[in-house]
Amino acid sequence: MADILVVGKRDSILGFKTIGLEMVFWTNTNECLPQLKEYIEKGSKIIFVTEKVFEEIQDFINEYFGKLFPVFIPIPDVEGSRGIGYENIRNLVIRALGTDVFGE
Protein backbone atom coordinates (compact mmCIF):
# COMPACT_ATOMS: atom_id res chain seq x y z
CA MET A 1 0.00 0.00 0.00
CA ALA A 2 1.04 3.54 -0.64
CA ASP A 3 2.15 6.00 2.03
CA ILE A 4 0.12 8.74 0.32
CA LEU A 5 -3.55 8.36 -0.54
CA VAL A 6 -6.04 10.71 -2.19
CA VAL A 7 -9.76 10.39 -1.40
CA GLY A 8 -12.62 12.13 -3.17
CA LYS A 9 -15.06 12.16 -6.04
CA ARG A 10 -13.56 10.83 -9.26
CA ASP A 11 -13.66 14.11 -11.19
CA SER A 12 -11.96 15.97 -8.33
CA ILE A 13 -8.97 13.68 -7.81
CA LEU A 14 -8.32 11.94 -11.12
CA GLY A 15 -5.42 14.30 -11.85
CA PHE A 16 -3.45 12.85 -8.94
CA LYS A 17 -3.20 9.60 -10.87
CA THR A 18 -0.73 11.27 -13.24
CA ILE A 19 1.81 11.53 -10.42
CA GLY A 20 1.25 7.94 -9.34
CA LEU A 21 -0.73 8.38 -6.12
CA GLU A 22 -3.17 5.76 -4.84
CA MET A 23 -6.79 6.87 -4.90
CA VAL A 24 -10.14 6.00 -3.35
CA PHE A 25 -12.94 7.23 -5.58
CA TRP A 26 -15.68 8.24 -3.16
CA THR A 27 -19.21 7.23 -4.08
CA ASN A 28 -20.82 6.87 -0.66
CA THR A 29 -19.74 6.36 2.93
CA ASN A 30 -21.05 2.79 3.31
CA GLU A 31 -19.02 1.53 0.36
CA CYS A 32 -15.87 3.61 0.66
CA LEU A 33 -15.21 3.94 4.39
CA PRO A 34 -14.22 0.24 4.73
CA GLN A 35 -11.84 0.70 1.80
CA LEU A 36 -10.30 3.77 3.49
CA LYS A 37 -9.91 1.82 6.76
CA GLU A 38 -8.11 -0.94 4.87
CA TYR A 39 -5.62 1.53 3.40
CA ILE A 40 -4.97 2.93 6.88
CA GLU A 41 -4.46 -0.54 8.36
CA LYS A 42 -1.98 -1.33 5.60
CA GLY A 43 0.09 1.79 6.30
CA SER A 44 -1.22 4.85 4.47
CA LYS A 45 0.20 7.80 6.38
CA ILE A 46 -0.80 10.95 4.49
CA ILE A 47 -4.36 11.12 3.23
CA PHE A 48 -5.53 14.01 1.09
CA VAL A 49 -9.33 14.26 1.28
CA THR A 50 -11.54 16.57 -0.74
CA GLU A 51 -13.37 19.04 1.49
CA LYS A 52 -16.81 17.64 0.75
CA VAL A 53 -15.77 14.12 1.78
CA PHE A 54 -13.77 15.55 4.71
CA GLU A 55 -17.00 17.03 6.10
CA GLU A 56 -18.85 13.76 5.49
CA ILE A 57 -16.35 11.64 7.46
CA GLN A 58 -15.39 14.17 10.13
CA ASP A 59 -16.32 11.78 12.97
CA PHE A 60 -14.11 9.06 11.47
CA ILE A 61 -11.22 11.52 11.07
CA ASN A 62 -11.62 12.67 14.68
CA GLU A 63 -10.85 9.10 15.83
CA TYR A 64 -7.29 9.63 14.59
CA PHE A 65 -6.88 13.16 15.99
CA GLY A 66 -3.77 13.39 18.15
CA LYS A 67 -2.15 10.31 16.63
CA LEU A 68 1.00 10.60 14.57
CA PHE A 69 -0.50 8.80 11.57
CA PRO A 70 -2.55 8.95 9.47
CA VAL A 71 -2.63 12.66 8.74
CA PHE A 72 -5.77 13.88 6.97
CA ILE A 73 -5.30 16.94 4.77
CA PRO A 74 -8.39 18.61 3.28
CA ILE A 75 -8.06 19.78 -0.32
CA PRO A 76 -10.54 21.68 -2.52
CA ASP A 77 -12.62 19.75 -5.02
CA VAL A 78 -13.76 20.82 -8.49
CA GLU A 79 -16.49 22.97 -6.93
CA GLY A 80 -13.85 25.15 -5.26
CA SER A 81 -12.67 25.70 -1.73
CA ARG A 82 -15.07 25.65 1.21
CA GLY A 83 -12.43 27.03 3.58
CA ILE A 84 -12.20 23.81 5.57
CA GLY A 85 -8.42 23.55 5.30
CA TYR A 86 -8.01 27.09 6.58
CA GLU A 87 -10.44 26.50 9.46
CA ASN A 88 -8.69 23.26 10.36
CA ILE A 89 -5.30 24.99 10.63
CA ARG A 90 -6.83 27.95 12.47
CA ASN A 91 -8.40 25.65 15.08
CA LEU A 92 -5.11 23.80 15.57
CA VAL A 93 -3.26 27.10 16.11
CA ILE A 94 -5.90 28.28 18.59
CA ARG A 95 -5.59 24.99 20.43
CA ALA A 96 -1.79 25.17 20.52
CA LEU A 97 -1.43 28.86 21.41
CA GLY A 98 -4.69 29.51 23.25
CA THR A 99 -5.45 32.55 21.09
CA ASP A 100 -6.63 33.35 17.58
CA VAL A 101 -3.56 34.82 15.84
CA PHE A 102 -5.54 34.96 12.59
CA GLY A 103 -7.55 37.85 14.02
CA GLU A 104 -11.03 36.54 13.42
C-alpha atoms as a PDB file:
ATOM      1  CA  MET A   1       0.000   0.000   0.000  1.00  0.00           C
ATOM      2  CA  ALA A   2       1.044   3.544  -0.635  1.00  0.00           C
ATOM      3  CA  ASP A   3       2.146   5.996   2.032  1.00  0.00           C
ATOM      4  CA  ILE A   4       0.122   8.741   0.322  1.00  0.00           C
ATOM      5  CA  LEU A   5      -3.551   8.356  -0.541  1.00  0.00           C
ATOM      6  CA  VAL A   6      -6.043  10.709  -2.193  1.00  0.00           C
ATOM      7  CA  VAL A   7      -9.763  10.389  -1.399  1.00  0.00           C
ATOM      8  CA  GLY A   8     -12.625  12.133  -3.168  1.00  0.00           C
ATOM      9  CA  LYS A   9     -15.060  12.157  -6.041  1.00  0.00           C
ATOM     10  CA  ARG A  10     -13.561  10.829  -9.257  1.00  0.00           C
ATOM     11  CA  ASP A  11     -13.656  14.109 -11.194  1.00  0.00           C
ATOM     12  CA  SER A  12     -11.962  15.970  -8.334  1.00  0.00           C
ATOM     13  CA  ILE A  13      -8.974  13.676  -7.806  1.00  0.00           C
ATOM     14  CA  LEU A  14      -8.317  11.936 -11.118  1.00  0.00           C
ATOM     15  CA  GLY A  15      -5.420  14.301 -11.849  1.00  0.00           C
ATOM     16  CA  PHE A  16      -3.452  12.850  -8.942  1.00  0.00           C
ATOM     17  CA  LYS A  17      -3.203   9.602 -10.872  1.00  0.00           C
ATOM     18  CA  THR A  18      -0.734  11.265 -13.240  1.00  0.00           C
ATOM     19  CA  ILE A  19       1.810  11.535 -10.421  1.00  0.00           C
ATOM     20  CA  GLY A  20       1.247   7.942  -9.339  1.00  0.00           C
ATOM     21  CA  LEU A  21      -0.727   8.378  -6.118  1.00  0.00           C
ATOM     22  CA  GLU A  22      -3.169   5.757  -4.841  1.00  0.00           C
ATOM     23  CA  MET A  23      -6.794   6.865  -4.895  1.00  0.00           C
ATOM     24  CA  VAL A  24     -10.137   5.997  -3.350  1.00  0.00           C
ATOM     25  CA  PHE A  25     -12.937   7.233  -5.585  1.00  0.00           C
ATOM     26  CA  TRP A  26     -15.683   8.240  -3.161  1.00  0.00           C
ATOM     27  CA  THR A  27     -19.214   7.228  -4.081  1.00  0.00           C
ATOM     28  CA  ASN A  28     -20.820   6.873  -0.656  1.00  0.00           C
ATOM     29  CA  THR A  29     -19.742   6.359   2.931  1.00  0.00           C
ATOM     30  CA  ASN A  30     -21.047   2.793   3.308  1.00  0.00           C
ATOM     31  CA  GLU A  31     -19.017   1.531   0.356  1.00  0.00           C
ATOM     32  CA  CYS A  32     -15.870   3.614   0.656  1.00  0.00           C
ATOM     33  CA  LEU A  33     -15.205   3.942   4.391  1.00  0.00           C
ATOM     34  CA  PRO A  34     -14.220   0.235   4.734  1.00  0.00           C
ATOM     35  CA  GLN A  35     -11.836   0.704   1.803  1.00  0.00           C
ATOM     36  CA  LEU A  36     -10.303   3.766   3.494  1.00  0.00           C
ATOM     37  CA  LYS A  37      -9.911   1.825   6.765  1.00  0.00           C
ATOM     38  CA  GLU A  38      -8.112  -0.944   4.867  1.00  0.00           C
ATOM     39  CA  TYR A  39      -5.617   1.527   3.398  1.00  0.00           C
ATOM     40  CA  ILE A  40      -4.966   2.935   6.883  1.00  0.00           C
ATOM     41  CA  GLU A  41      -4.460  -0.542   8.358  1.00  0.00           C
ATOM     42  CA  LYS A  42      -1.978  -1.327   5.599  1.00  0.00           C
ATOM     43  CA  GLY A  43       0.088   1.787   6.297  1.00  0.00           C
ATOM     44  CA  SER A  44      -1.218   4.850   4.474  1.00  0.00           C
ATOM     45  CA  LYS A  45       0.196   7.800   6.383  1.00  0.00           C
ATOM     46  CA  ILE A  46      -0.804  10.949   4.487  1.00  0.00           C
ATOM     47  CA  ILE A  47      -4.363  11.116   3.230  1.00  0.00           C
ATOM     48  CA  PHE A  48      -5.533  14.009   1.089  1.00  0.00           C
ATOM     49  CA  VAL A  49      -9.327  14.260   1.284  1.00  0.00           C
ATOM     50  CA  THR A  50     -11.542  16.567  -0.743  1.00  0.00           C
ATOM     51  CA  GLU A  51     -13.365  19.041   1.491  1.00  0.00           C
ATOM     52  CA  LYS A  52     -16.807  17.641   0.745  1.00  0.00           C
ATOM     53  CA  VAL A  53     -15.766  14.117   1.776  1.00  0.00           C
ATOM     54  CA  PHE A  54     -13.771  15.549   4.708  1.00  0.00           C
ATOM     55  CA  GLU A  55     -17.003  17.030   6.095  1.00  0.00           C
ATOM     56  CA  GLU A  56     -18.847  13.760   5.493  1.00  0.00           C
ATOM     57  CA  ILE A  57     -16.350  11.640   7.456  1.00  0.00           C
ATOM     58  CA  GLN A  58     -15.389  14.174  10.128  1.00  0.00           C
ATOM     59  CA  ASP A  59     -16.316  11.785  12.967  1.00  0.00           C
ATOM     60  CA  PHE A  60     -14.111   9.062  11.466  1.00  0.00           C
ATOM     61  CA  ILE A  61     -11.225  11.523  11.070  1.00  0.00           C
ATOM     62  CA  ASN A  62     -11.616  12.672  14.682  1.00  0.00           C
ATOM     63  CA  GLU A  63     -10.853   9.102  15.829  1.00  0.00           C
ATOM     64  CA  TYR A  64      -7.292   9.635  14.591  1.00  0.00           C
ATOM     65  CA  PHE A  65      -6.876  13.162  15.994  1.00  0.00           C
ATOM     66  CA  GLY A  66      -3.773  13.386  18.154  1.00  0.00           C
ATOM     67  CA  LYS A  67      -2.151  10.309  16.625  1.00  0.00           C
ATOM     68  CA  LEU A  68       1.003  10.598  14.569  1.00  0.00           C
ATOM     69  CA  PHE A  69      -0.502   8.797  11.567  1.00  0.00           C
ATOM     70  CA  PRO A  70      -2.552   8.954   9.466  1.00  0.00           C
ATOM     71  CA  VAL A  71      -2.627  12.662   8.740  1.00  0.00           C
ATOM     72  CA  PHE A  72      -5.769  13.879   6.966  1.00  0.00           C
ATOM     73  CA  ILE A  73      -5.304  16.945   4.774  1.00  0.00           C
ATOM     74  CA  PRO A  74      -8.393  18.606   3.279  1.00  0.00           C
ATOM     75  CA  ILE A  75      -8.061  19.783  -0.318  1.00  0.00           C
ATOM     76  CA  PRO A  76     -10.540  21.681  -2.521  1.00  0.00           C
ATOM     77  CA  ASP A  77     -12.617  19.747  -5.020  1.00  0.00           C
ATOM     78  CA  VAL A  78     -13.756  20.816  -8.486  1.00  0.00           C
ATOM     79  CA  GLU A  79     -16.492  22.969  -6.929  1.00  0.00           C
ATOM     80  CA  GLY A  80     -13.850  25.152  -5.262  1.00  0.00           C
ATOM     81  CA  SER A  81     -12.667  25.702  -1.734  1.00  0.00           C
ATOM     82  CA  ARG A  82     -15.065  25.655   1.210  1.00  0.00           C
ATOM     83  CA  GLY A  83     -12.425  27.035   3.578  1.00  0.00           C
ATOM     84  CA  ILE A  84     -12.204  23.810   5.575  1.00  0.00           C
ATOM     85  CA  GLY A  85      -8.416  23.547   5.303  1.00  0.00           C
ATOM     86  CA  TYR A  86      -8.010  27.092   6.576  1.00  0.00           C
ATOM     87  CA  GLU A  87     -10.438  26.503   9.456  1.00  0.00           C
ATOM     88  CA  ASN A  88      -8.691  23.258  10.360  1.00  0.00           C
ATOM     89  CA  ILE A  89      -5.304  24.989  10.626  1.00  0.00           C
ATOM     90  CA  ARG A  90      -6.833  27.952  12.466  1.00  0.00           C
ATOM     91  CA  ASN A  91      -8.398  25.649  15.076  1.00  0.00           C
ATOM     92  CA  LEU A  92      -5.113  23.798  15.569  1.00  0.00           C
ATOM     93  CA  VAL A  93      -3.257  27.100  16.114  1.00  0.00           C
ATOM     94  CA  ILE A  94      -5.897  28.284  18.591  1.00  0.00           C
ATOM     95  CA  ARG A  95      -5.594  24.986  20.431  1.00  0.00           C
ATOM     96  CA  ALA A  96      -1.793  25.173  20.518  1.00  0.00           C
ATOM     97  CA  LEU A  97      -1.431  28.865  21.409  1.00  0.00           C
ATOM     98  CA  GLY A  98      -4.689  29.511  23.250  1.00  0.00           C
ATOM     99  CA  THR A  99      -5.454  32.545  21.091  1.00  0.00           C
ATOM    100  CA  ASP A 100      -6.634  33.349  17.577  1.00  0.00           C
ATOM    101  CA  VAL A 101      -3.564  34.821  15.840  1.00  0.00           C
ATOM    102  CA  PHE A 102      -5.538  34.958  12.590  1.00  0.00           C
ATOM    103  CA  GLY A 103      -7.546  37.854  14.022  1.00  0.00           C
ATOM    104  CA  GLU A 104     -11.031  36.543  13.422  1.00  0.00           C
END
